[in-house]
Protein backbone atom coordinates (compact mmCIF):
# COMPACT_ATOMS: atom_id res chain seq x y z
CA MET A 1 -78.57 101.31 231.07
CA GLU A 2 -77.71 103.51 228.88
CA GLU A 3 -73.90 103.51 229.81
CA THR A 4 -73.92 99.64 229.04
CA GLU A 5 -75.32 100.58 225.93
CA THR A 6 -72.71 102.92 225.02
CA MET A 7 -69.88 100.65 225.85
CA THR A 8 -71.55 98.20 223.78
CA GLU A 9 -71.13 100.10 221.02
CA VAL A 10 -67.50 101.45 221.90
CA LEU A 11 -66.53 97.41 221.62
CA ALA A 12 -68.50 96.98 218.61
CA ASN A 13 -66.65 100.04 216.93
CA GLU A 14 -63.41 98.90 218.11
CA GLU A 15 -64.42 95.06 217.01
CA THR A 16 -65.01 96.54 213.41
CA GLN A 17 -61.70 98.77 213.26
CA ASN A 18 -59.75 95.55 214.79
CA PHE A 19 -61.00 93.20 211.82
CA VAL A 20 -60.47 95.71 208.95
CA LEU A 21 -57.21 96.26 210.16
CA ARG A 22 -56.47 92.85 210.78
CA ALA A 23 -57.89 91.90 207.42
CA PHE A 24 -55.79 94.56 205.43
CA GLU A 25 -52.77 92.88 207.29
CA GLU A 26 -53.65 89.60 206.36
CA GLY A 27 -54.13 90.59 202.76
CA GLY A 28 -50.46 90.62 201.75
CA THR A 29 -48.90 93.52 199.51
CA ALA A 30 -51.93 93.64 197.00
CA MET A 31 -53.98 95.26 199.91
CA TYR A 32 -51.75 98.42 199.68
CA PHE A 33 -52.08 98.91 195.58
CA ILE A 34 -55.99 98.30 196.49
CA ALA A 35 -56.19 100.87 199.30
CA PHE A 36 -54.13 103.12 197.04
CA ILE A 37 -56.49 102.90 193.96
CA GLY A 38 -59.54 103.70 196.81
CA ILE A 39 -57.73 106.82 198.25
CA LEU A 40 -57.48 108.11 194.21
CA THR A 41 -61.33 106.94 193.56
CA ILE A 42 -62.34 109.20 197.09
CA VAL A 43 -60.11 112.09 195.69
CA VAL A 44 -61.91 111.85 192.11
CA ILE A 45 -65.38 111.61 193.75
CA ILE A 46 -65.09 114.35 196.00
CA LYS A 47 -63.42 116.62 193.11
CA GLN A 48 -66.27 115.70 190.70
CA ILE A 49 -68.60 116.44 193.20
CA MET A 50 -67.42 120.09 193.47
CA ALA A 51 -67.00 120.29 190.00
CA LEU A 52 -70.42 119.20 189.22
CA LYS A 53 -72.18 121.41 192.23
CA HIS A 54 -70.19 124.75 190.26
CA ALA A 55 -71.87 123.29 187.25
CA SER A 56 -75.23 123.21 188.74
CA VAL A 57 -77.67 126.17 187.79
CA ASP A 58 -81.29 126.19 187.95
CA LYS A 59 -82.07 126.40 184.15
CA LYS A 60 -85.62 127.01 184.34
CA ASP A 61 -85.16 130.22 186.11
CA PHE A 62 -82.34 131.11 184.38
CA ASN A 63 -83.59 130.74 181.13
CA GLU A 64 -86.83 132.94 182.30
CA ASN A 65 -84.78 135.92 183.41
CA LEU A 66 -82.15 135.82 180.48
CA PHE A 67 -84.72 135.19 177.71
CA GLY A 68 -86.85 138.17 178.96
CA MET A 69 -84.00 140.48 178.81
CA ILE A 70 -83.46 139.49 175.25
CA LEU A 71 -87.32 139.60 174.29
CA ARG A 72 -86.77 143.45 175.78
CA GLY A 73 -83.91 143.87 173.84
CA ASP A 74 -81.30 144.42 176.17
CA ILE A 75 -78.79 142.18 175.10
CA GLN A 76 -75.72 143.60 177.56
CA GLN A 77 -78.04 143.28 180.69
CA ALA A 78 -78.63 139.35 179.29
CA ILE A 79 -74.42 139.53 178.72
CA ALA A 80 -74.06 140.70 182.64
CA TYR A 81 -76.73 138.34 184.10
CA CYS A 82 -74.68 135.66 183.00
CA ASP A 83 -71.44 136.86 184.26
CA SER A 84 -73.17 137.17 187.23
CA LYS A 85 -73.81 133.19 187.18
CA PRO A 86 -70.68 131.50 186.18
CA SER A 87 -71.30 128.00 185.19
CA PRO A 88 -70.89 125.97 181.71
CA LEU A 89 -74.41 126.72 180.89
CA THR A 90 -74.02 130.34 181.25
CA ASN A 91 -71.09 130.24 179.28
CA VAL A 92 -72.61 128.60 176.16
CA LEU A 93 -75.15 131.42 176.25
CA LYS A 94 -73.10 134.09 176.79
CA ALA A 95 -71.22 133.17 173.83
CA GLY A 96 -73.91 133.55 171.54
CA LEU A 97 -75.35 136.83 173.07
CA VAL A 98 -72.12 138.39 172.34
CA GLN A 99 -72.07 137.50 168.47
CA VAL A 100 -75.96 138.82 168.82
CA MET A 101 -74.43 142.12 170.37
CA ASN A 102 -72.13 142.36 167.60
CA LYS A 103 -74.92 141.56 164.89
CA ARG A 104 -73.44 138.69 163.89
CA PRO A 105 -75.73 136.30 161.41
CA ASP A 106 -77.67 133.08 162.93
CA GLU A 107 -75.17 130.71 162.04
CA GLU A 108 -71.98 132.36 163.52
CA ILE A 109 -74.35 132.84 166.70
CA GLN A 110 -74.48 128.93 167.00
CA VAL A 111 -71.24 128.33 165.71
CA ALA A 112 -70.09 130.23 168.87
CA MET A 113 -72.50 128.23 171.45
CA ASP A 114 -71.29 125.06 169.74
CA ALA A 115 -67.42 125.99 170.57
CA ALA A 116 -68.45 126.86 174.10
CA VAL A 117 -70.06 123.98 174.69
CA LEU A 118 -66.94 121.79 173.34
CA ARG A 119 -64.80 123.93 175.46
CA ASP A 120 -67.05 123.80 178.73
CA THR A 121 -67.38 119.71 178.41
CA PRO A 122 -64.08 118.68 179.81
CA ARG A 123 -64.79 120.63 182.86
CA VAL A 124 -68.09 119.18 183.56
CA GLU A 125 -66.67 115.94 182.82
CA GLY A 126 -63.58 116.29 185.29
CA TRP A 127 -61.94 113.00 186.00
CA VAL A 128 -65.27 110.65 185.83
CA SER A 129 -63.51 108.48 183.16
CA PHE A 130 -60.83 107.73 185.68
CA LEU A 131 -63.58 105.92 188.20
CA ALA A 132 -64.43 103.17 185.15
CA VAL A 133 -60.32 102.60 185.25
CA PHE A 134 -59.93 102.53 188.80
CA GLY A 135 -63.13 100.30 189.17
CA ASN A 136 -61.59 97.98 186.78
CA LEU A 137 -57.82 98.00 188.33
CA SER A 138 -58.86 97.33 191.93
CA THR A 139 -60.74 94.14 190.78
CA LEU A 140 -57.93 93.30 188.82
CA ILE A 141 -55.26 93.98 191.55
CA GLY A 142 -57.68 92.24 193.99
CA LEU A 143 -57.50 89.32 191.43
CA VAL A 144 -54.02 89.08 191.48
CA GLY A 145 -53.72 89.19 195.23
CA THR A 146 -56.20 86.24 194.93
CA ILE A 147 -54.46 84.01 193.29
CA ILE A 148 -50.65 84.92 195.08
CA GLY A 149 -52.66 84.56 197.85
CA MET A 150 -53.68 80.61 196.60
CA ILE A 151 -50.09 80.02 195.09
CA THR A 152 -48.72 80.76 198.76
CA ALA A 153 -51.04 78.50 200.26
CA PHE A 154 -50.66 75.68 198.25
CA ARG A 155 -46.85 75.95 198.15
CA GLY A 156 -46.92 76.42 201.68
CA VAL A 157 -48.74 73.23 202.32
CA SER A 158 -46.74 70.90 199.71
CA SER A 159 -43.55 71.84 201.07
CA ALA A 160 -44.19 71.86 204.74
CA ASP A 161 -44.55 69.52 207.65
CA ASP A 162 -47.90 67.92 208.82
CA ALA A 163 -47.82 70.32 211.88
CA LYS A 164 -47.70 73.52 209.88
CA LYS A 165 -49.58 72.54 206.79
CA ALA A 166 -53.31 73.78 208.16
CA GLU A 167 -51.48 77.45 209.30
CA LEU A 168 -50.13 77.94 205.85
CA LEU A 169 -53.15 76.79 204.17
CA SER A 170 -55.28 78.89 206.27
CA LYS A 171 -53.03 81.79 205.91
CA GLY A 172 -53.07 81.97 202.22
CA ILE A 173 -56.56 81.39 201.84
CA SER A 174 -57.28 84.59 204.30
CA GLU A 175 -54.98 86.76 201.99
CA ALA A 176 -56.78 85.42 198.75
CA LEU A 177 -60.12 86.07 199.96
CA ASN A 178 -59.15 89.32 202.13
CA CYS A 179 -57.87 90.66 198.38
CA THR A 180 -60.94 89.73 196.35
CA ALA A 181 -63.30 91.49 199.12
CA PHE A 182 -61.15 94.74 199.60
CA GLY A 183 -60.91 94.84 195.66
CA LEU A 184 -64.61 94.32 195.15
CA MET A 185 -65.46 96.87 197.75
CA VAL A 186 -63.49 99.66 195.80
CA ALA A 187 -64.53 98.62 192.31
CA VAL A 188 -68.27 98.69 193.43
CA LEU A 189 -67.60 102.31 194.95
CA ALA A 190 -65.89 103.36 191.63
CA ILE A 191 -68.23 101.92 189.18
CA ALA A 192 -71.48 103.09 191.51
CA THR A 193 -70.23 106.81 191.49
CA PHE A 194 -69.13 106.44 187.60
CA GLY A 195 -72.73 105.70 186.61
CA ILE A 196 -74.09 107.78 188.75
CA PHE A 197 -72.05 110.98 187.77
CA GLN A 198 -72.41 109.65 183.90
CA HIS A 199 -76.00 110.28 184.41
CA ARG A 200 -75.51 114.06 185.94
CA ILE A 201 -72.69 114.96 183.01
CA SER A 202 -75.39 114.17 180.46
CA LEU A 203 -78.09 115.89 181.84
CA ILE A 204 -76.03 119.18 182.23
CA LEU A 205 -74.64 118.42 178.54
CA ASN A 206 -78.29 118.42 177.24
CA GLU A 207 -79.24 121.42 179.41
CA MET A 208 -76.62 123.17 177.50
CA THR A 209 -77.57 122.04 174.34
CA GLU A 210 -81.21 122.55 174.68
CA SER A 211 -80.86 126.10 175.90
CA SER A 212 -78.54 127.22 173.15
CA MET A 213 -80.86 125.79 170.83
CA SER A 214 -83.93 127.63 172.46
CA LEU A 215 -81.63 131.05 172.62
CA ILE A 216 -80.83 130.94 168.98
CA ASN A 217 -84.66 130.49 168.08
CA LEU A 218 -85.61 133.70 170.40
CA VAL A 219 -83.22 135.78 168.68
CA ALA A 220 -84.04 134.58 165.47
CA SER A 221 -87.85 135.72 166.16
CA ASN A 222 -86.92 138.91 167.87
CA ARG A 223 -83.95 140.75 165.99
CA ASP A 224 -86.15 143.84 165.47
CA LYS A 225 -86.33 144.34 169.60
CA ILE A 226 -82.94 144.27 169.94
CA LYS A 227 -81.43 147.45 170.86
CA SER A 228 -78.18 148.84 168.97
């Protein structure tokens, strides 16, 4: 019984693979462009997952430890703590702490942190914007393939004899529909991940801004505790 189920699964997988390969071949030249866009989409997704993983930090735990050091007046230890957990958030707070250690006014501390936010924002965003471009491109290329397939179908029908008309019409329509399907599949993947990444990026940027404001308020009200 188990062997029968295993053989059934193997045959089903082979049938699925053959279906995909056959659909790709029937889709014509446009399918290669869609496949290229699909590969680029997957590469960007992987790179962005890695970038966001590197940018992520437990804000609550980090801020509690960091702000505790500031309340004790140990700015050098706070800077070292930021260095031990490199991320866009820690880079922003470190930029402000360096100015605090140099006894700069609150305005310069805030400017330093704002500059750090601007500097680290491109690192957080990465190539996410390209996902929206890839989504639109795959849709448009699929549409071009669809139109070419329909033109091929009707042109073949108009010039072929009765015996080949059905075959040429079927081939052209198959090319058109396959291009549409694969183009939309890549577009859905690209646009869906674009939205997910944009949401995560906005959360990280908000954390950076919120933490910088908390830091400047904490420093302003506890300057007398800061060690020389």
